[in-house]
C-alpha cells in the first residue's frame, strides 16, 4: 500500500510511456499508423474476414459501426472472448502487427531521450524490463516474488497506481505475469512471460455470422488478453496466504489410517482427495469420516469423500464468502489449473482481522484530529479555510475530512494558535503520509500494511493524544 517515489521527470515519464499504456492514438500521432487504415486478424485472409478501421482519434470502428477503444476491446466486442488485440490485428496494407508498431514507438522514444540523465529508479526499471523480456523470449521466463517485482517500481505494497504502472510497462513490451501478480500474495513467486506464452482456458469462438472468418485461438496462436480494462477486483481468494500453500492430500484409494494420521500430524480439519495435481476428487473431514464410520464400521475411505468446491485464484473473496461459510473451506486453483491451496473460515477471519486494526487506528486518528481542531478553533475560521466558496456547505465539525484537518494544521496562523512545541512541517508531513494510507485503506487494497507503518500510525496517534489533552 505504501509506494515509493521514483523521482522521475514528468516529461520523461510521459514521453517514454513509462507507467502508461501505449494507445492506438499514440501510433497515429507518431505517424506509425494512418487514420483510415484497415486492420485484419492475424491469419490468412478468407472471405468475410472482419476488418476494422482506425479513426483519427485512435478508436477502432467495427464492421457494424460500433467503436472500440482498444485492440483487445475490438476482439471482445466482435467475438465475446479475451484475446490480446495487439497481437491479433495487422494492417491490411503492409501486414504490420500492431505490437510491432508499438515496439517501434517505444524504441523511437528511447532514442529521442538517449542523452538525458536517467534517474536511478527509471534506469533500474529499463534494465529489468529488458532482461526479463530477453529471458521470456529465450524460453526461460524469469521468476520473482511479487514483492521483488513491485520493488523495481519503488513500491512496498500494491495499490491501484502501482498496479497500473507495472501492468502498463510490462504489457507495452508484450509481457504479463503468470499467475497474475495482483491476485496472489506478496511472497508468491510469479513468472514474467510473453503474453503469447500466457496460459489461457478460453478459446476464441466466432459468431455464426462470421464462422468462416475466425477459427479457434490455438490455430491463430493468439495470446490471452493483455487486460487493457482496469482491474476491478478487491481482495481475491489468491491474496490469502493459505491459497498458495502446499496442499496436503491423499489418493482416492487411501486408508482411514493414512488420512487420520496426516490430519493429526498437520493439525488439519480436512484433506484434499486427489489423483493428480489437477485432479481434485473431493475432500475428507473429521465430520465426514465420523459419518462414514458410524454408518459402517468396515467402510473404506471412499465412503467419507465429500464434494469440494474448487475456485480460481482470481475469484473475488467477498463473492466467495457465502460459499466458504456454507462449506467451511474451498480449494484454490492456480494459473496452471493445479490445486494450489485451501482457504478456510479461519483464514478469512485472520485476513479481515489484519485489515481491521489499521481501520480502527485511522478512525481513532480521525477522531483525535477532529477533537483537537474543534477545541482550538471556531467553526467559522475552519470553514473559511476549508470551504471558502461555500460549495461544500460546511457548517459543522463532524463534516470535516482528513484533507480539512491538513488544511487547518498546515496554516501557519492556526499552528501558532495551537501553541505546540513541535515542528509544523515535520508534523504535517507525517499527517500527509497518514492521509495517503487512509486513502489506500478506503480503497480496500490487497496487502496488509507493513508492521513499521502500523507502528508509525500508532506513534502518531499517541502524539495526538499527548498534545491534544
Protein backbone atom coordinates (compact mmCIF):
# COMPACT_ATOMS: atom_id res chain seq x y z
CA UNK A 1 0.00 0.00 0.00
CA UNK A 2 2.92 2.32 0.63
CA UNK A 3 4.65 3.10 -2.63
CA UNK A 4 7.92 4.87 -3.16
CA UNK A 5 8.57 7.99 -5.17
CA UNK A 6 10.87 7.29 -8.08
CA UNK A 7 11.58 10.99 -8.62
CA UNK A 8 11.24 10.70 -12.40
CA UNK A 9 10.92 13.73 -14.56
CA UNK A 10 7.24 14.05 -15.58
CA UNK A 11 8.09 14.85 -19.20
CA UNK A 12 10.35 11.82 -19.49
CA UNK A 13 7.77 9.51 -17.95
CA UNK A 14 5.13 10.62 -20.42
CA UNK A 15 7.46 10.51 -23.43
CA UNK A 16 8.76 7.03 -22.66
CA UNK A 17 5.25 5.78 -21.81
CA UNK A 18 6.62 4.59 -18.51
CA UNK A 19 3.67 3.70 -16.33
CA UNK A 20 1.17 4.37 -19.13
CA UNK A 21 -0.11 2.04 -21.78
CA UNK A 22 0.63 2.82 -25.40
CA UNK A 23 -2.64 3.54 -27.19
CA UNK A 24 -3.58 3.27 -30.84
CA UNK A 25 -3.87 7.06 -30.78
CA UNK A 26 -0.15 7.24 -29.95
CA UNK A 27 0.67 5.26 -33.09
CA UNK A 28 -1.46 7.63 -35.16
CA UNK A 29 0.11 10.73 -33.59
CA UNK A 30 3.62 9.34 -34.23
CA UNK A 31 2.85 8.68 -37.90
CA UNK A 32 3.31 4.92 -37.50
CA UNK A 33 -0.33 4.21 -38.29
CA UNK A 34 -2.53 6.27 -40.59
CA UNK A 35 -6.06 7.25 -39.75
CA UNK A 36 -8.37 5.34 -42.07
CA UNK A 37 -6.13 2.28 -42.15
CA UNK A 38 -7.84 -1.09 -42.17
CA UNK A 39 -6.82 -3.83 -39.75
CA UNK A 40 -7.46 -7.53 -40.21
CA UNK A 41 -6.97 -10.52 -37.94
CA UNK A 42 -3.51 -12.06 -37.90
CA UNK A 43 -4.40 -15.02 -40.13
CA UNK A 44 -4.65 -15.88 -43.82
CA UNK A 45 -7.46 -13.86 -45.34
CA UNK A 46 -10.71 -15.64 -46.08
CA UNK A 47 -13.97 -14.45 -47.48
CA UNK A 48 -15.93 -12.47 -44.93
CA UNK A 49 -12.96 -11.92 -42.60
CA UNK A 50 -13.87 -8.94 -40.41
CA UNK A 51 -11.82 -5.78 -40.75
CA UNK A 52 -11.76 -2.75 -38.51
CA UNK A 53 -10.82 0.83 -39.35
CA UNK A 54 -8.56 3.17 -37.40
CA UNK A 55 -10.23 6.54 -36.79
CA UNK A 56 -8.46 9.90 -36.46
CA UNK A 57 -8.91 9.78 -32.70
CA UNK A 58 -7.37 6.32 -32.42
CA UNK A 59 -10.65 4.50 -31.89
CA UNK A 60 -11.36 1.33 -33.83
CA UNK A 61 -14.51 1.17 -35.95
CA UNK A 62 -16.07 -2.26 -36.20
CA UNK A 63 -17.88 -3.53 -39.34
CA UNK A 64 -21.26 -2.71 -37.76
CA UNK A 65 -20.20 0.89 -37.00
CA UNK A 66 -19.54 0.43 -33.28
CA UNK A 67 -16.36 1.91 -31.84
CA UNK A 68 -13.88 0.12 -29.61
CA UNK A 69 -11.28 1.92 -27.55
CA UNK A 70 -8.58 -0.78 -27.68
CA UNK A 71 -7.41 -3.62 -29.94
CA UNK A 72 -8.35 -6.15 -27.27
CA UNK A 73 -11.71 -4.46 -26.83
CA UNK A 74 -12.39 -4.88 -30.55
CA UNK A 75 -11.85 -8.65 -30.24
CA UNK A 76 -14.10 -8.71 -27.18
CA UNK A 77 -16.83 -6.75 -28.96
CA UNK A 78 -16.69 -8.93 -32.06
CA UNK A 79 -16.36 -12.39 -30.53
CA UNK A 80 -17.00 -12.05 -26.80
CA UNK A 81 -13.62 -13.54 -25.91
CA UNK A 82 -10.49 -12.16 -24.27
CA UNK A 83 -7.52 -12.02 -26.63
CA UNK A 84 -4.57 -9.64 -26.72
CA UNK A 85 -5.56 -7.48 -29.68
CA UNK A 86 -2.06 -6.06 -30.13
CA UNK A 87 -1.03 -9.49 -31.39
CA UNK A 88 -4.33 -10.19 -33.16
CA UNK A 89 -4.54 -7.30 -35.65
CA UNK A 90 -2.34 -6.48 -38.66
CA UNK A 91 -2.52 -3.58 -41.08
CA UNK A 92 -4.13 -4.69 -44.32
CA UNK A 93 -1.80 -2.58 -46.50
CA UNK A 94 1.60 -3.81 -45.33
CA UNK A 95 0.85 -6.59 -42.83
CA UNK A 96 2.41 -4.83 -39.84
CA UNK A 97 1.37 -6.33 -36.50
CA UNK A 98 0.10 -3.71 -34.05
CA UNK A 99 2.55 -4.94 -31.42
CA UNK A 100 5.42 -4.39 -33.88
CA UNK A 101 4.30 -0.79 -34.39
CA UNK A 102 4.03 -0.34 -30.64
CA UNK A 103 7.57 -1.59 -30.18
CA UNK A 104 8.80 0.81 -32.87
CA UNK A 105 7.20 3.66 -30.96
CA UNK A 106 8.88 2.63 -27.70
CA UNK A 107 12.27 2.25 -29.42
CA UNK A 108 11.87 5.63 -31.11
CA UNK A 109 11.07 7.30 -27.80
CA UNK A 110 14.18 5.77 -26.23
CA UNK A 111 16.42 7.09 -29.00
CA UNK A 112 15.00 10.59 -28.70
CA UNK A 113 15.86 10.84 -25.00
CA UNK A 114 19.08 8.82 -25.02
CA UNK A 115 21.20 11.80 -24.00
CA UNK A 116 19.13 12.67 -20.94
CA UNK A 117 20.26 11.76 -17.47
CA UNK A 118 18.27 8.72 -16.34
CA UNK A 119 17.09 8.69 -12.74
CA UNK A 120 18.22 5.61 -10.81
CA UNK A 121 14.72 4.16 -10.46
CA UNK A 122 13.95 4.65 -14.16
CA UNK A 123 17.27 3.08 -15.13
CA UNK A 124 16.57 0.09 -12.90
CA UNK A 125 13.15 -0.36 -14.47
CA UNK A 126 14.55 -0.20 -18.01
CA UNK A 127 17.26 -2.71 -17.17
CA UNK A 128 14.77 -5.04 -15.50
CA UNK A 129 12.26 -4.88 -18.35
CA UNK A 130 14.96 -5.55 -20.94
CA UNK A 131 16.39 -8.51 -19.03
CA UNK A 132 13.05 -10.20 -18.31
CA UNK A 133 11.98 -9.80 -21.91
CA UNK A 134 15.22 -11.41 -23.11
CA UNK A 135 14.62 -14.27 -20.69
CA UNK A 136 11.00 -14.72 -21.80
CA UNK A 137 11.93 -14.68 -25.48
CA UNK A 138 14.65 -17.26 -24.80
CA UNK A 139 12.02 -19.56 -23.32
CA UNK A 140 13.31 -19.27 -19.74
CA UNK A 141 10.93 -16.80 -18.06
CA UNK A 142 12.31 -15.02 -15.01
CA UNK A 143 10.74 -15.93 -11.69
CA UNK A 144 10.47 -13.33 -8.95
CA UNK A 145 8.27 -12.80 -5.94
CA UNK A 146 5.52 -10.21 -6.16
CA UNK A 147 7.39 -8.17 -3.56
CA UNK A 148 10.53 -8.19 -5.73
CA UNK A 149 8.52 -7.22 -8.81
CA UNK A 150 6.83 -4.15 -7.33
CA UNK A 151 10.10 -3.23 -5.63
CA UNK A 152 11.53 -2.48 -9.08
CA UNK A 153 8.90 0.28 -9.25
CA UNK A 154 9.88 1.56 -5.81
CA UNK A 155 6.84 0.14 -4.03
CA UNK A 156 6.43 -1.83 -0.83
CA UNK A 157 2.83 -2.85 -1.45
CA UNK A 158 0.22 -2.90 -4.17
CA UNK A 159 -2.30 -0.17 -4.78
CA UNK A 160 -4.14 0.95 -7.91
CA UNK A 161 -1.35 3.29 -9.03
CA UNK A 162 1.45 0.77 -8.55
CA UNK A 163 -0.50 -1.99 -10.26
CA UNK A 164 -1.27 0.19 -13.27
CA UNK A 165 2.37 1.22 -13.68
CA UNK A 166 3.64 -2.35 -13.55
CA UNK A 167 0.96 -3.68 -15.89
CA UNK A 168 1.45 -0.83 -18.37
CA UNK A 169 5.24 -1.21 -18.53
CA UNK A 170 5.00 -4.98 -18.96
CA UNK A 171 2.16 -5.03 -21.48
CA UNK A 172 3.74 -2.29 -23.62
CA UNK A 173 6.55 -4.77 -24.16
CA UNK A 174 4.23 -7.72 -24.76
CA UNK A 175 4.64 -9.25 -21.32
CA UNK A 176 2.48 -10.26 -18.39
CA UNK A 177 2.83 -12.31 -15.21
CA UNK A 178 1.68 -15.85 -14.52
CA UNK A 179 -0.07 -16.05 -12.16
CA UNK A 180 -1.46 -12.51 -12.15
CA UNK A 181 0.66 -10.65 -9.59
CA UNK A 182 -2.36 -8.71 -8.35
CA UNK A 183 -4.29 -11.80 -7.32
CA UNK A 184 -1.73 -13.63 -5.16
CA UNK A 185 0.30 -12.75 -2.07
CA UNK A 186 3.42 -10.59 -1.91
CA UNK A 187 5.58 -13.63 -1.17
CA UNK A 188 4.28 -15.78 -4.03
CA UNK A 189 6.58 -16.49 -6.97
CA UNK A 190 5.42 -15.40 -10.40
CA UNK A 191 6.85 -15.86 -13.88
CA UNK A 192 7.23 -12.91 -16.24
CA UNK A 193 6.19 -14.27 -19.60
CA UNK A 194 5.29 -13.06 -23.06
CA UNK A 195 1.56 -12.65 -23.48
CA UNK A 196 1.87 -15.26 -26.21
CA UNK A 197 3.13 -17.69 -23.56
CA UNK A 198 0.39 -16.98 -21.03
CA UNK A 199 -1.91 -19.80 -20.04
CA UNK A 200 -5.50 -19.41 -21.18
CA UNK A 201 -8.56 -21.56 -20.78
CA UNK A 202 -10.51 -19.50 -23.28
CA UNK A 203 -10.90 -20.34 -26.95
CA UNK A 204 -11.83 -17.71 -29.48
CA UNK A 205 -15.07 -18.94 -31.00
CA UNK A 206 -16.63 -16.95 -33.79
CA UNK A 207 -20.21 -15.91 -34.04
CA UNK A 208 -22.21 -17.93 -36.56
CA UNK A 209 -22.33 -14.96 -38.94
CA UNK A 210 -18.54 -14.84 -39.20
CA UNK A 211 -17.77 -18.52 -38.69
CA UNK A 212 -15.63 -18.62 -41.84
CA UNK A 213 -13.62 -15.63 -40.70
CA UNK A 214 -12.22 -16.86 -37.40
CA UNK A 215 -11.12 -20.23 -36.10
CA UNK A 216 -10.04 -21.35 -32.65
CA UNK A 217 -7.39 -19.19 -31.00
CA UNK A 218 -5.00 -22.12 -30.83
CA UNK A 219 -4.97 -22.20 -34.63
CA UNK A 220 -4.26 -18.47 -34.73
CA UNK A 221 -1.68 -18.74 -31.95
CA UNK A 222 -3.31 -15.65 -30.44
CA UNK A 223 -2.40 -14.84 -26.84
CA UNK A 224 -4.75 -14.22 -23.98
CA UNK A 225 -5.99 -10.73 -23.20
CA UNK A 226 -3.44 -8.13 -22.16
CA UNK A 227 -6.05 -6.94 -19.63
CA UNK A 228 -6.39 -3.43 -21.05
CA UNK A 229 -9.50 -2.96 -18.96
CA UNK A 230 -8.97 -1.67 -15.42
CA UNK A 231 -8.53 -4.26 -12.69
CA UNK A 232 -11.83 -4.19 -10.86
CA UNK A 233 -11.20 -6.79 -8.15
CA UNK A 234 -10.81 -6.19 -4.45
CA UNK A 235 -9.33 -8.96 -2.37
CA UNK A 236 -9.14 -12.22 -4.26
CA UNK A 237 -9.03 -15.76 -2.95
CA UNK A 238 -5.42 -15.88 -4.15
CA UNK A 239 -4.47 -12.92 -1.95
CA UNK A 240 -4.82 -15.12 1.13
CA UNK A 241 -1.55 -16.84 2.12
CA UNK A 242 -3.19 -20.25 2.51
CA UNK A 243 -4.28 -20.16 -1.14
CA UNK A 244 -0.72 -20.84 -2.27
CA UNK A 245 0.50 -23.18 0.45
CA UNK A 246 1.19 -26.79 -0.44
CA UNK A 247 -2.00 -28.83 -0.43
CA UNK A 248 -1.91 -31.90 1.77
CA UNK A 249 -3.82 -34.69 0.05
CA UNK A 250 -4.49 -38.40 -0.08
CA UNK A 251 -5.29 -40.63 -3.03
CA UNK A 252 -8.86 -41.89 -3.57
CA UNK A 253 -7.78 -45.41 -2.54
CA UNK A 254 -6.06 -44.30 0.67
CA UNK A 255 -7.00 -45.81 4.03
CA UNK A 256 -8.67 -44.18 7.02
CA UNK A 257 -5.46 -44.62 9.00
CA UNK A 258 -3.45 -42.72 6.37
CA UNK A 259 -5.91 -39.82 6.23
CA UNK A 260 -6.34 -39.59 10.01
CA UNK A 261 -2.58 -39.70 10.60
CA UNK A 262 -1.98 -36.85 8.15
CA UNK A 263 -4.76 -34.76 9.68
CA UNK A 264 -3.34 -35.28 13.18
CA UNK A 265 0.26 -34.59 12.15
CA UNK A 266 -0.63 -31.40 10.24
CA UNK A 267 -3.45 -30.38 12.61
CA UNK A 268 -5.87 -30.15 9.66
CA UNK A 269 -9.63 -30.43 9.81
CA UNK A 270 -9.87 -31.66 6.24
CA UNK A 271 -7.76 -33.15 3.46
CA UNK A 272 -7.95 -32.98 -0.30
CA UNK A 273 -8.55 -36.22 -2.13
CA UNK A 274 -6.61 -36.09 -5.39
CA UNK A 275 -5.37 -38.42 -8.09
CA UNK A 276 -3.07 -35.73 -9.52
CA UNK A 277 -2.22 -32.04 -9.03
CA UNK A 278 -5.04 -31.03 -11.40
CA UNK A 279 -7.49 -33.78 -10.50
CA UNK A 280 -9.42 -32.96 -7.33
CA UNK A 281 -11.82 -35.77 -6.44
CA UNK A 282 -13.20 -34.20 -3.26
CA UNK A 283 -12.21 -33.98 0.39
CA UNK A 284 -12.45 -35.82 3.67
CA UNK A 285 -13.03 -34.13 7.01
CA UNK A 286 -13.36 -35.24 10.64
CA UNK A 287 -17.12 -34.89 10.19
CA UNK A 288 -17.30 -36.97 7.00
CA UNK A 289 -15.02 -39.65 8.48
CA UNK A 290 -17.19 -39.90 11.59
CA UNK A 291 -20.36 -40.18 9.50
CA UNK A 292 -18.90 -42.89 7.25
CA UNK A 293 -17.59 -44.98 10.15
CA UNK A 294 -20.75 -44.54 12.17
CA UNK A 295 -22.82 -45.83 9.24
CA UNK A 296 -20.46 -48.75 8.58
CA UNK A 297 -17.51 -49.58 10.80
CA UNK A 298 -15.92 -51.52 7.96
CA UNK A 299 -16.34 -48.77 5.36
CA UNK A 300 -13.47 -47.65 3.16
CA UNK A 301 -12.22 -44.06 2.98
CA UNK A 302 -14.04 -43.58 -0.32
CA UNK A 303 -17.31 -43.54 1.65
CA UNK A 304 -16.09 -40.45 3.52
CA UNK A 305 -15.25 -38.41 0.43
CA UNK A 306 -17.43 -35.32 0.12
CA UNK A 307 -17.81 -32.83 -2.70
CA UNK A 308 -15.28 -30.00 -2.55
CA UNK A 309 -15.53 -26.58 -4.16
CA UNK A 310 -12.58 -25.55 -6.34
CA UNK A 311 -12.35 -21.87 -7.30
CA UNK A 312 -9.95 -19.87 -9.45
CA UNK A 313 -7.30 -17.89 -7.59
CA UNK A 314 -8.67 -14.71 -9.16
CA UNK A 315 -12.14 -15.22 -7.65
CA UNK A 316 -13.41 -12.25 -5.63
CA UNK A 317 -13.11 -13.05 -1.93
CA UNK A 318 -16.25 -11.19 -0.87
CA UNK A 319 -18.26 -13.02 -3.52
CA UNK A 320 -16.96 -16.35 -2.20
CA UNK A 321 -17.76 -15.66 1.47
CA UNK A 322 -21.21 -17.35 1.36
CA UNK A 323 -19.65 -20.46 -0.18
CA UNK A 324 -16.85 -20.57 2.39
CA UNK A 325 -19.32 -20.01 5.21
CA UNK A 326 -21.55 -22.82 3.95
CA UNK A 327 -18.81 -25.32 3.03
CA UNK A 328 -16.27 -24.15 5.68
CA UNK A 329 -13.46 -24.41 3.11
CA UNK A 330 -12.72 -24.18 -0.61
CA UNK A 331 -9.76 -25.34 -2.65
CA UNK A 332 -7.93 -22.85 -4.86
CA UNK A 333 -6.91 -23.45 -8.47
CA UNK A 334 -3.87 -21.59 -9.80
CA UNK A 335 -2.98 -20.21 -13.22
CA UNK A 336 -1.70 -23.63 -14.36
CA UNK A 337 -5.01 -25.24 -13.27
CA UNK A 338 -3.37 -27.16 -10.43
CA UNK A 339 -4.75 -27.06 -6.90
CA UNK A 340 -2.51 -24.61 -5.05
CA UNK A 341 -4.10 -24.29 -1.63
CA UNK A 342 -7.12 -24.34 0.61
CA UNK A 343 -8.97 -21.39 2.18
CA UNK A 344 -10.96 -21.99 5.35
CA UNK A 345 -13.21 -19.86 7.51
CA UNK A 346 -10.30 -19.37 9.90
CA UNK A 347 -8.14 -17.97 7.07
CA UNK A 348 -10.84 -15.45 6.15
CA UNK A 349 -11.24 -14.35 9.77
CA UNK A 350 -7.46 -13.89 10.06
CA UNK A 351 -7.11 -11.71 6.96
CA UNK A 352 -10.04 -9.49 7.90
CA UNK A 353 -8.62 -9.23 11.39
CA UNK A 354 -5.34 -7.96 9.93
CA UNK A 355 -7.25 -5.36 7.94
CA UNK A 356 -9.38 -4.27 10.90
CA UNK A 357 -6.56 -2.92 13.09
CA UNK A 358 -5.40 -0.24 10.61
CA UNK A 359 -9.04 0.77 10.02
CA UNK A 360 -9.53 1.27 13.75
CA UNK A 361 -6.27 3.23 14.02
CA UNK A 362 -7.31 5.54 11.20
CA UNK A 363 -10.67 6.02 12.87
CA UNK A 364 -9.05 6.99 16.17
CA UNK A 365 -6.63 9.37 14.44
CA UNK A 366 -9.57 11.00 12.65
CA UNK A 367 -11.48 11.40 15.93
CA UNK A 368 -8.44 12.86 17.70
CA UNK A 369 -7.78 15.38 14.93
CA UNK A 370 -11.42 16.45 14.92
CA UNK A 371 -11.41 16.89 18.71
CA UNK A 372 -8.20 18.97 18.53
CA UNK A 373 -9.48 21.23 15.74
CA UNK A 374 -12.87 21.66 17.40
CA UNK A 375 -11.30 22.59 20.73
CA UNK A 376 -8.82 25.06 19.29
CA UNK A 377 -10.65 26.93 16.53
CA UNK A 378 -14.12 28.43 15.98
CA UNK A 379 -16.13 26.73 13.29
CA UNK A 380 -16.28 29.87 11.13
CA UNK A 381 -12.48 30.06 10.99
CA UNK A 382 -12.28 26.42 9.91
CA UNK A 383 -14.96 26.91 7.27
CA UNK A 384 -13.12 29.91 5.81
CA UNK A 385 -10.06 27.69 5.27
CA UNK A 386 -11.79 24.51 4.12
CA UNK A 387 -14.83 25.80 2.24
CA UNK A 388 -14.17 29.44 1.31
CA UNK A 389 -16.61 29.49 -1.62
CA UNK A 390 -19.35 27.62 0.24
CA UNK A 391 -19.68 24.89 -2.38
CA UNK A 392 -19.44 22.13 0.20
CA UNK A 393 -21.91 23.79 2.54
CA UNK A 394 -19.76 23.07 5.59
CA UNK A 395 -21.38 24.07 8.87
CA UNK A 396 -20.26 21.51 11.50
CA UNK A 397 -17.03 19.95 12.70
CA UNK A 398 -18.36 16.43 12.06
CA UNK A 399 -18.38 17.23 8.32
CA UNK A 400 -14.60 17.68 8.20
CA UNK A 401 -12.36 15.28 6.30
CA UNK A 402 -8.73 14.30 6.69
CA UNK A 403 -7.92 16.85 3.99
CA UNK A 404 -9.63 19.55 6.04
CA UNK A 405 -7.51 18.74 9.08
CA UNK A 406 -4.44 19.06 6.86
CA UNK A 407 -5.53 22.47 5.55
CA UNK A 408 -6.12 23.77 9.08
CA UNK A 409 -2.90 22.46 10.63
CA UNK A 410 -0.74 23.46 7.65
CA UNK A 411 -1.86 27.06 8.12
CA UNK A 412 0.93 28.91 9.99
CA UNK A 413 -1.51 31.09 11.96
CA UNK A 414 -3.56 28.12 13.09
CA UNK A 415 -0.44 26.22 14.04
CA UNK A 416 0.82 29.14 16.10
CA UNK A 417 -2.52 29.34 17.87
CA UNK A 418 -2.19 25.70 18.93
CA UNK A 419 1.00 26.56 20.79
CA UNK A 420 2.55 23.13 20.28
CA UNK A 421 6.32 22.96 20.63
CA UNK A 422 6.56 20.82 17.53
CA UNK A 423 7.91 21.43 14.03
CA UNK A 424 4.93 22.24 11.81
CA UNK A 425 6.33 20.94 8.51
CA UNK A 426 7.51 17.66 10.02
CA UNK A 427 4.16 17.14 11.73
CA UNK A 428 2.19 17.95 8.59
CA UNK A 429 4.48 15.74 6.50
CA UNK A 430 3.60 12.80 8.70
CA UNK A 431 -0.08 13.76 8.58
CA UNK A 432 0.14 13.70 4.78
CA UNK A 433 1.55 10.16 4.94
CA UNK A 434 -1.33 9.14 7.19
CA UNK A 435 -3.82 10.64 4.72
CA UNK A 436 -2.32 8.59 1.86
CA UNK A 437 -2.53 5.42 3.94
CA UNK A 438 -6.12 6.25 4.80
CA UNK A 439 -6.97 6.61 1.09
CA UNK A 440 -5.44 3.22 0.33
CA UNK A 441 -7.37 1.59 3.15
CA UNK A 442 -10.62 3.12 1.94
CA UNK A 443 -9.98 1.57 -1.49
CA UNK A 444 -9.52 -1.87 0.10
CA UNK A 445 -6.14 -2.53 -1.49
CA UNK A 446 -4.90 -6.09 -1.34
CA UNK A 447 -1.94 -6.01 1.00
CA UNK A 448 -1.77 -5.66 4.78
CA UNK A 449 0.17 -2.66 5.98
CA UNK A 450 3.80 -3.37 6.88
CA UNK A 451 4.43 -3.60 10.63
CA UNK A 452 6.54 -0.44 10.66
CA UNK A 453 3.69 1.50 9.04
CA UNK A 454 1.20 0.28 11.62
CA UNK A 455 3.67 1.29 14.35
CA UNK A 456 4.07 4.69 12.73
CA UNK A 457 0.31 5.20 12.83
CA UNK A 458 0.18 4.17 16.48
CA UNK A 459 3.02 6.58 17.37
CA UNK A 460 1.22 9.42 15.58
CA UNK A 461 -1.98 8.62 17.48
CA UNK A 462 -0.04 8.62 20.76
CA UNK A 463 1.37 12.05 19.84
CA UNK A 464 -2.11 13.42 19.17
CA UNK A 465 -3.42 12.05 22.44
CA UNK A 466 -0.49 13.58 24.35
CA UNK A 467 -0.56 17.07 22.78
CA UNK A 468 -4.30 17.23 22.33
CA UNK A 469 -5.06 17.00 26.03
